[in-house]
Amino acid sequence: MSVKDSNGLELNDRDSVQVIKDLKVKGSSINLKRGTVFKNIRLTSKEAEVECRQGKSTIVLKTCFLKKV
């Protein structure tokens, strides 16, 4: 399975990614601003999603809104 970011670069476990658009997190009051960097991402069983840590919570983000740093 090949997981790619919005620019077509391949993502791996423990990569750092940056959010390219302001996002509202479903089921939470968290808003992610453009330019927010997440370190040590984890790949999921789905090609279009990755897991990230935001504070003490874990969130799942779609790869179409991320770019590799």
PDB file of N, CA and C in Angstrom:
ATOM      1  N   MET A   1       0.848  -1.178   0.000  1.00  0.00           N
ATOM      2  CA  MET A   1       0.000   0.000   0.000  1.00  0.00           C
ATOM      3  C   MET A   1       0.892   1.239   0.000  1.00  0.00           C
ATOM      4  N   SER A   2       0.607   2.151  -0.872  1.00  0.00           N
ATOM      5  CA  SER A   2       1.381   3.381  -0.998  1.00  0.00           C
ATOM      6  C   SER A   2       0.524   4.564  -0.555  1.00  0.00           C
ATOM      7  N   VAL A   3       0.959   5.260   0.486  1.00  0.00           N
ATOM      8  CA  VAL A   3       0.234   6.416   1.004  1.00  0.00           C
ATOM      9  C   VAL A   3       0.939   7.678   0.521  1.00  0.00           C
ATOM     10  N   LYS A   4       0.190   8.587  -0.117  1.00  0.00           N
ATOM     11  CA  LYS A   4       0.787   9.791  -0.689  1.00  0.00           C
ATOM     12  C   LYS A   4       0.107  11.036  -0.145  1.00  0.00           C
ATOM     13  N   ASP A   5       0.886  12.117  -0.039  1.00  0.00           N
ATOM     14  CA  ASP A   5       0.340  13.393   0.418  1.00  0.00           C
ATOM     15  C   ASP A   5      -0.300  14.142  -0.745  1.00  0.00           C
ATOM     16  N   SER A   6      -0.665  15.401  -0.529  1.00  0.00           N
ATOM     17  CA  SER A   6      -1.345  16.177  -1.568  1.00  0.00           C
ATOM     18  C   SER A   6      -0.454  16.480  -2.764  1.00  0.00           C
ATOM     19  N   ASN A   7       0.867  16.445  -2.580  1.00  0.00           N
ATOM     20  CA  ASN A   7       1.799  16.704  -3.678  1.00  0.00           C
ATOM     21  C   ASN A   7       2.269  15.435  -4.377  1.00  0.00           C
ATOM     22  N   GLY A   8       1.832  14.277  -3.920  1.00  0.00           N
ATOM     23  CA  GLY A   8       2.214  13.021  -4.543  1.00  0.00           C
ATOM     24  C   GLY A   8       3.458  12.375  -3.948  1.00  0.00           C
ATOM     25  N   LEU A   9       3.990  12.929  -2.864  1.00  0.00           N
ATOM     26  CA  LEU A   9       5.153  12.329  -2.203  1.00  0.00           C
ATOM     27  C   LEU A   9       4.699  11.203  -1.285  1.00  0.00           C
ATOM     28  N   GLU A  10       5.493  10.145  -1.219  1.00  0.00           N
ATOM     29  CA  GLU A  10       5.126   8.992  -0.404  1.00  0.00           C
ATOM     30  C   GLU A  10       5.355   9.282   1.079  1.00  0.00           C
ATOM     31  N   LEU A  11       4.374   8.905   1.908  1.00  0.00           N
ATOM     32  CA  LEU A  11       4.469   9.076   3.353  1.00  0.00           C
ATOM     33  C   LEU A  11       4.822   7.756   4.011  1.00  0.00           C
ATOM     34  N   ASN A  12       5.624   7.817   5.073  1.00  0.00           N
ATOM     35  CA  ASN A  12       6.015   6.653   5.856  1.00  0.00           C
ATOM     36  C   ASN A  12       5.716   6.921   7.328  1.00  0.00           C
ATOM     37  N   ASP A  13       5.737   5.863   8.142  1.00  0.00           N
ATOM     38  CA  ASP A  13       5.604   6.036   9.585  1.00  0.00           C
ATOM     39  C   ASP A  13       6.693   6.974  10.087  1.00  0.00           C
ATOM     40  N   ARG A  14       6.364   7.776  11.085  1.00  0.00           N
ATOM     41  CA  ARG A  14       7.287   8.686  11.761  1.00  0.00           C
ATOM     42  C   ARG A  14       7.720   9.876  10.902  1.00  0.00           C
ATOM     43  N   ASP A  15       7.044  10.141   9.789  1.00  0.00           N
ATOM     44  CA  ASP A  15       7.308  11.340   8.993  1.00  0.00           C
ATOM     45  C   ASP A  15       6.656  12.547   9.676  1.00  0.00           C
ATOM     46  N   SER A  16       7.059  13.732   9.264  1.00  0.00           N
ATOM     47  CA  SER A  16       6.422  14.968   9.705  1.00  0.00           C
ATOM     48  C   SER A  16       5.605  15.517   8.542  1.00  0.00           C
ATOM     49  N   VAL A  17       4.407  16.001   8.864  1.00  0.00           N
ATOM     50  CA  VAL A  17       3.529  16.557   7.837  1.00  0.00           C
ATOM     51  C   VAL A  17       3.004  17.908   8.291  1.00  0.00           C
ATOM     52  N   GLN A  18       2.571  18.713   7.314  1.00  0.00           N
ATOM     53  CA  GLN A  18       2.044  20.043   7.577  1.00  0.00           C
ATOM     54  C   GLN A  18       0.649  20.141   6.968  1.00  0.00           C
ATOM     55  N   VAL A  19      -0.271  20.790   7.686  1.00  0.00           N
ATOM     56  CA  VAL A  19      -1.641  20.978   7.209  1.00  0.00           C
ATOM     57  C   VAL A  19      -1.645  22.112   6.191  1.00  0.00           C
ATOM     58  N   ILE A  20      -2.305  21.901   5.041  1.00  0.00           N
ATOM     59  CA  ILE A  20      -2.301  22.908   3.971  1.00  0.00           C
ATOM     60  C   ILE A  20      -3.572  23.756   3.938  1.00  0.00           C
ATOM     61  N   LYS A  21      -4.525  23.481   4.850  1.00  0.00           N
ATOM     62  CA  LYS A  21      -5.798  24.199   4.838  1.00  0.00           C
ATOM     63  C   LYS A  21      -6.342  24.216   6.258  1.00  0.00           C
ATOM     64  N   ASP A  22      -7.048  25.282   6.645  1.00  0.00           N
ATOM     65  CA  ASP A  22      -7.698  25.308   7.954  1.00  0.00           C
ATOM     66  C   ASP A  22      -8.751  24.211   8.010  1.00  0.00           C
ATOM     67  N   LEU A  23      -8.733  23.428   9.094  1.00  0.00           N
ATOM     68  CA  LEU A  23      -9.650  22.294   9.222  1.00  0.00           C
ATOM     69  C   LEU A  23     -10.371  22.330  10.556  1.00  0.00           C
ATOM     70  N   LYS A  24     -11.649  21.951  10.544  1.00  0.00           N
ATOM     71  CA  LYS A  24     -12.405  21.740  11.769  1.00  0.00           C
ATOM     72  C   LYS A  24     -12.384  20.242  12.052  1.00  0.00           C
ATOM     73  N   VAL A  25     -12.103  19.869  13.287  1.00  0.00           N
ATOM     74  CA  VAL A  25     -12.051  18.458  13.657  1.00  0.00           C
ATOM     75  C   VAL A  25     -13.450  18.026  14.069  1.00  0.00           C
ATOM     76  N   LYS A  26     -13.955  16.993  13.408  1.00  0.00           N
ATOM     77  CA  LYS A  26     -15.295  16.492  13.652  1.00  0.00           C
ATOM     78  C   LYS A  26     -15.403  15.913  15.063  1.00  0.00           C
ATOM     79  N   GLY A  27     -16.460  16.262  15.789  1.00  0.00           N
ATOM     80  CA  GLY A  27     -16.679  15.723  17.118  1.00  0.00           C
ATOM     81  C   GLY A  27     -15.836  16.375  18.193  1.00  0.00           C
ATOM     82  N   SER A  28     -15.216  17.500  17.876  1.00  0.00           N
ATOM     83  CA  SER A  28     -14.353  18.189  18.830  1.00  0.00           C
ATOM     84  C   SER A  28     -14.420  19.689  18.565  1.00  0.00           C
ATOM     85  N   SER A  29     -13.948  20.459  19.528  1.00  0.00           N
ATOM     86  CA  SER A  29     -13.920  21.915  19.345  1.00  0.00           C
ATOM     87  C   SER A  29     -12.568  22.388  18.813  1.00  0.00           C
ATOM     88  N   ILE A  30     -11.709  21.448  18.427  1.00  0.00           N
ATOM     89  CA  ILE A  30     -10.371  21.777  17.931  1.00  0.00           C
ATOM     90  C   ILE A  30     -10.456  22.272  16.487  1.00  0.00           C
ATOM     91  N   ASN A  31      -9.775  23.371  16.199  1.00  0.00           N
ATOM     92  CA  ASN A  31      -9.605  23.865  14.834  1.00  0.00           C
ATOM     93  C   ASN A  31      -8.124  23.830  14.516  1.00  0.00           C
ATOM     94  N   LEU A  32      -7.762  23.211  13.414  1.00  0.00           N
ATOM     95  CA  LEU A  32      -6.362  23.141  12.991  1.00  0.00           C
ATOM     96  C   LEU A  32      -6.100  24.251  11.994  1.00  0.00           C
ATOM     97  N   LYS A  33      -5.111  25.071  12.277  1.00  0.00           N
ATOM     98  CA  LYS A  33      -4.751  26.173  11.398  1.00  0.00           C
ATOM     99  C   LYS A  33      -3.813  25.694  10.298  1.00  0.00           C
ATOM    100  N   ARG A  34      -3.852  26.377   9.170  1.00  0.00           N
ATOM    101  CA  ARG A  34      -2.944  26.082   8.072  1.00  0.00           C
ATOM    102  C   ARG A  34      -1.509  26.266   8.550  1.00  0.00           C
ATOM    103  N   GLY A  35      -0.636  25.315   8.233  1.00  0.00           N
ATOM    104  CA  GLY A  35       0.755  25.398   8.639  1.00  0.00           C
ATOM    105  C   GLY A  35       1.082  24.612   9.894  1.00  0.00           C
ATOM    106  N   THR A  36       0.082  24.041  10.555  1.00  0.00           N
ATOM    107  CA  THR A  36       0.327  23.222  11.751  1.00  0.00           C
ATOM    108  C   THR A  36       1.126  21.988  11.361  1.00  0.00           C
ATOM    109  N   VAL A  37       2.193  21.696  12.106  1.00  0.00           N
ATOM    110  CA  VAL A  37       3.072  20.567  11.801  1.00  0.00           C
ATOM    111  C   VAL A  37       2.806  19.436  12.798  1.00  0.00           C
ATOM    112  N   PHE A  38       2.680  18.233  12.276  1.00  0.00           N
ATOM    113  CA  PHE A  38       2.542  17.033  13.093  1.00  0.00           C
ATOM    114  C   PHE A  38       3.764  16.160  12.862  1.00  0.00           C
ATOM    115  N   LYS A  39       4.392  15.727  13.946  1.00  0.00           N
ATOM    116  CA  LYS A  39       5.572  14.870  13.854  1.00  0.00           C
ATOM    117  C   LYS A  39       5.171  13.448  14.222  1.00  0.00           C
ATOM    118  N   ASN A  40       5.917  12.486  13.731  1.00  0.00           N
ATOM    119  CA  ASN A  40       5.731  11.067  14.054  1.00  0.00           C
ATOM    120  C   ASN A  40       4.321  10.582  13.731  1.00  0.00           C
ATOM    121  N   ILE A  41       3.905  10.752  12.486  1.00  0.00           N
ATOM    122  CA  ILE A  41       2.592  10.249  12.079  1.00  0.00           C
ATOM    123  C   ILE A  41       2.621   8.727  12.020  1.00  0.00           C
ATOM    124  N   ARG A  42       1.433   8.125  12.075  1.00  0.00           N
ATOM    125  CA  ARG A  42       1.310   6.680  11.924  1.00  0.00           C
ATOM    126  C   ARG A  42       0.348   6.389  10.777  1.00  0.00           C
ATOM    127  N   LEU A  43       0.710   5.455   9.941  1.00  0.00           N
ATOM    128  CA  LEU A  43      -0.163   5.058   8.840  1.00  0.00           C
ATOM    129  C   LEU A  43      -1.259   4.154   9.372  1.00  0.00           C
ATOM    130  N   THR A  44      -2.434   4.234   8.768  1.00  0.00           N
ATOM    131  CA  THR A  44      -3.559   3.388   9.160  1.00  0.00           C
ATOM    132  C   THR A  44      -3.789   2.332   8.087  1.00  0.00           C
ATOM    133  N   SER A  45      -4.803   1.538   8.263  1.00  0.00           N
ATOM    134  CA  SER A  45      -5.120   0.502   7.276  1.00  0.00           C
ATOM    135  C   SER A  45      -5.741   1.106   6.009  1.00  0.00           C
ATOM    136  N   LYS A  46      -6.201   2.346   6.094  1.00  0.00           N
ATOM    137  CA  LYS A  46      -6.771   3.034   4.932  1.00  0.00           C
ATOM    138  C   LYS A  46      -5.707   3.885   4.263  1.00  0.00           C
ATOM    139  N   GLU A  47      -5.690   3.884   2.948  1.00  0.00           N
ATOM    140  CA  GLU A  47      -4.684   4.607   2.176  1.00  0.00           C
ATOM    141  C   GLU A  47      -4.785   6.123   2.332  1.00  0.00           C
ATOM    142  N   ALA A  48      -5.972   6.633   2.528  1.00  0.00           N
ATOM    143  CA  ALA A  48      -6.183   8.084   2.522  1.00  0.00           C
ATOM    144  C   ALA A  48      -6.179   8.709   3.908  1.00  0.00           C
ATOM    145  N   GLU A  49      -5.753   7.975   4.956  1.00  0.00           N
ATOM    146  CA  GLU A  49      -5.787   8.499   6.314  1.00  0.00           C
ATOM    147  C   GLU A  49      -4.511   8.204   7.072  1.00  0.00           C
ATOM    148  N   VAL A  50      -4.135   9.122   7.974  1.00  0.00           N
ATOM    149  CA  VAL A  50      -3.005   8.929   8.885  1.00  0.00           C
ATOM    150  C   VAL A  50      -3.437   9.356  10.286  1.00  0.00           C
ATOM    151  N   GLU A  51      -2.787   8.795  11.300  1.00  0.00           N
ATOM    152  CA  GLU A  51      -3.053   9.172  12.684  1.00  0.00           C
ATOM    153  C   GLU A  51      -1.986  10.134  13.162  1.00  0.00           C
ATOM    154  N   CYS A  52      -2.410  11.160  13.917  1.00  0.00           N
ATOM    155  CA  CYS A  52      -1.497  12.161  14.463  1.00  0.00           C
ATOM    156  C   CYS A  52      -1.878  12.432  15.912  1.00  0.00           C
ATOM    157  N   ARG A  53      -0.921  12.918  16.694  1.00  0.00           N
ATOM    158  CA  ARG A  53      -1.180  13.302  18.077  1.00  0.00           C
ATOM    159  C   ARG A  53      -1.327  14.814  18.152  1.00  0.00           C
ATOM    160  N   GLN A  54      -2.429  15.278  18.738  1.00  0.00           N
ATOM    161  CA  GLN A  54      -2.669  16.703  18.987  1.00  0.00           C
ATOM    162  C   GLN A  54      -2.843  16.842  20.492  1.00  0.00           C
ATOM    163  N   GLY A  55      -1.787  17.249  21.182  1.00  0.00           N
ATOM    164  CA  GLY A  55      -1.839  17.298  22.640  1.00  0.00           C
ATOM    165  C   GLY A  55      -1.891  15.877  23.175  1.00  0.00           C
ATOM    166  N   LYS A  56      -2.917  15.580  23.969  1.00  0.00           N
ATOM    167  CA  LYS A  56      -3.064  14.223  24.509  1.00  0.00           C
ATOM    168  C   LYS A  56      -4.018  13.370  23.689  1.00  0.00           C
ATOM    169  N   SER A  57      -4.647  13.950  22.673  1.00  0.00           N
ATOM    170  CA  SER A  57      -5.610  13.189  21.876  1.00  0.00           C
ATOM    171  C   SER A  57      -5.000  12.763  20.545  1.00  0.00           C
ATOM    172  N   THR A  58      -5.525  11.684  20.004  1.00  0.00           N
ATOM    173  CA  THR A  58      -5.111  11.177  18.698  1.00  0.00           C
ATOM    174  C   THR A  58      -6.203  11.513  17.693  1.00  0.00           C
ATOM    175  N   ILE A  59      -5.820  12.096  16.565  1.00  0.00           N
ATOM    176  CA  ILE A  59      -6.789  12.426  15.522  1.00  0.00           C
ATOM    177  C   ILE A  59      -6.369  11.761  14.217  1.00  0.00           C
ATOM    178  N   VAL A  60      -7.348  11.521  13.374  1.00  0.00           N
ATOM    179  CA  VAL A  60      -7.109  10.921  12.061  1.00  0.00           C
ATOM    180  C   VAL A  60      -7.333  12.003  11.018  1.00  0.00           C
ATOM    181  N   LEU A  61      -6.332  12.193  10.155  1.00  0.00           N
ATOM    182  CA  LEU A  61      -6.412  13.217   9.109  1.00  0.00           C
ATOM    183  C   LEU A  61      -6.350  12.587   7.727  1.00  0.00           C
ATOM    184  N   LYS A  62      -7.049  13.192   6.783  1.00  0.00           N
ATOM    185  CA  LYS A  62      -6.984  12.732   5.398  1.00  0.00           C
ATOM    186  C   LYS A  62      -5.713  13.274   4.754  1.00  0.00           C
ATOM    187  N   THR A  63      -5.074  12.454   3.940  1.00  0.00           N
ATOM    188  CA  THR A  63      -3.790  12.826   3.338  1.00  0.00           C
ATOM    189  C   THR A  63      -3.943  13.914   2.282  1.00  0.00           C
ATOM    190  N   CYS A  64      -5.136  14.155   1.763  1.00  0.00           N
ATOM    191  CA  CYS A  64      -5.315  15.204   0.750  1.00  0.00           C
ATOM    192  C   CYS A  64      -5.147  16.604   1.348  1.00  0.00           C
ATOM    193  N   PHE A  65      -5.144  16.732   2.683  1.00  0.00           N
ATOM    194  CA  PHE A  65      -4.959  18.014   3.349  1.00  0.00           C
ATOM    195  C   PHE A  65      -3.573  18.153   3.974  1.00  0.00           C
ATOM    196  N   LEU A  66      -2.643  17.242   3.645  1.00  0.00           N
ATOM    197  CA  LEU A  66      -1.317  17.232   4.252  1.00  0.00           C
ATOM    198  C   LEU A  66      -0.233  17.318   3.196  1.00  0.00           C
ATOM    199  N   LYS A  67       0.904  17.891   3.597  1.00  0.00           N
ATOM    200  CA  LYS A  67       2.103  17.827   2.746  1.00  0.00           C
ATOM    201  C   LYS A  67       3.279  17.445   3.633  1.00  0.00           C
ATOM    202  N   LYS A  68       4.200  16.687   3.051  1.00  0.00           N
ATOM    203  CA  LYS A  68       5.367  16.203   3.766  1.00  0.00           C
ATOM    204  C   LYS A  68       6.342  17.357   4.020  1.00  0.00           C
ATOM    205  N   VAL A  69       6.911  17.379   5.221  1.00  0.00           N
ATOM    206  CA  VAL A  69       7.872  18.430   5.579  1.00  0.00           C
ATOM    207  C   VAL A  69       9.277  17.881   5.482  1.00  0.00           C
TER     208      VAL A  69
END
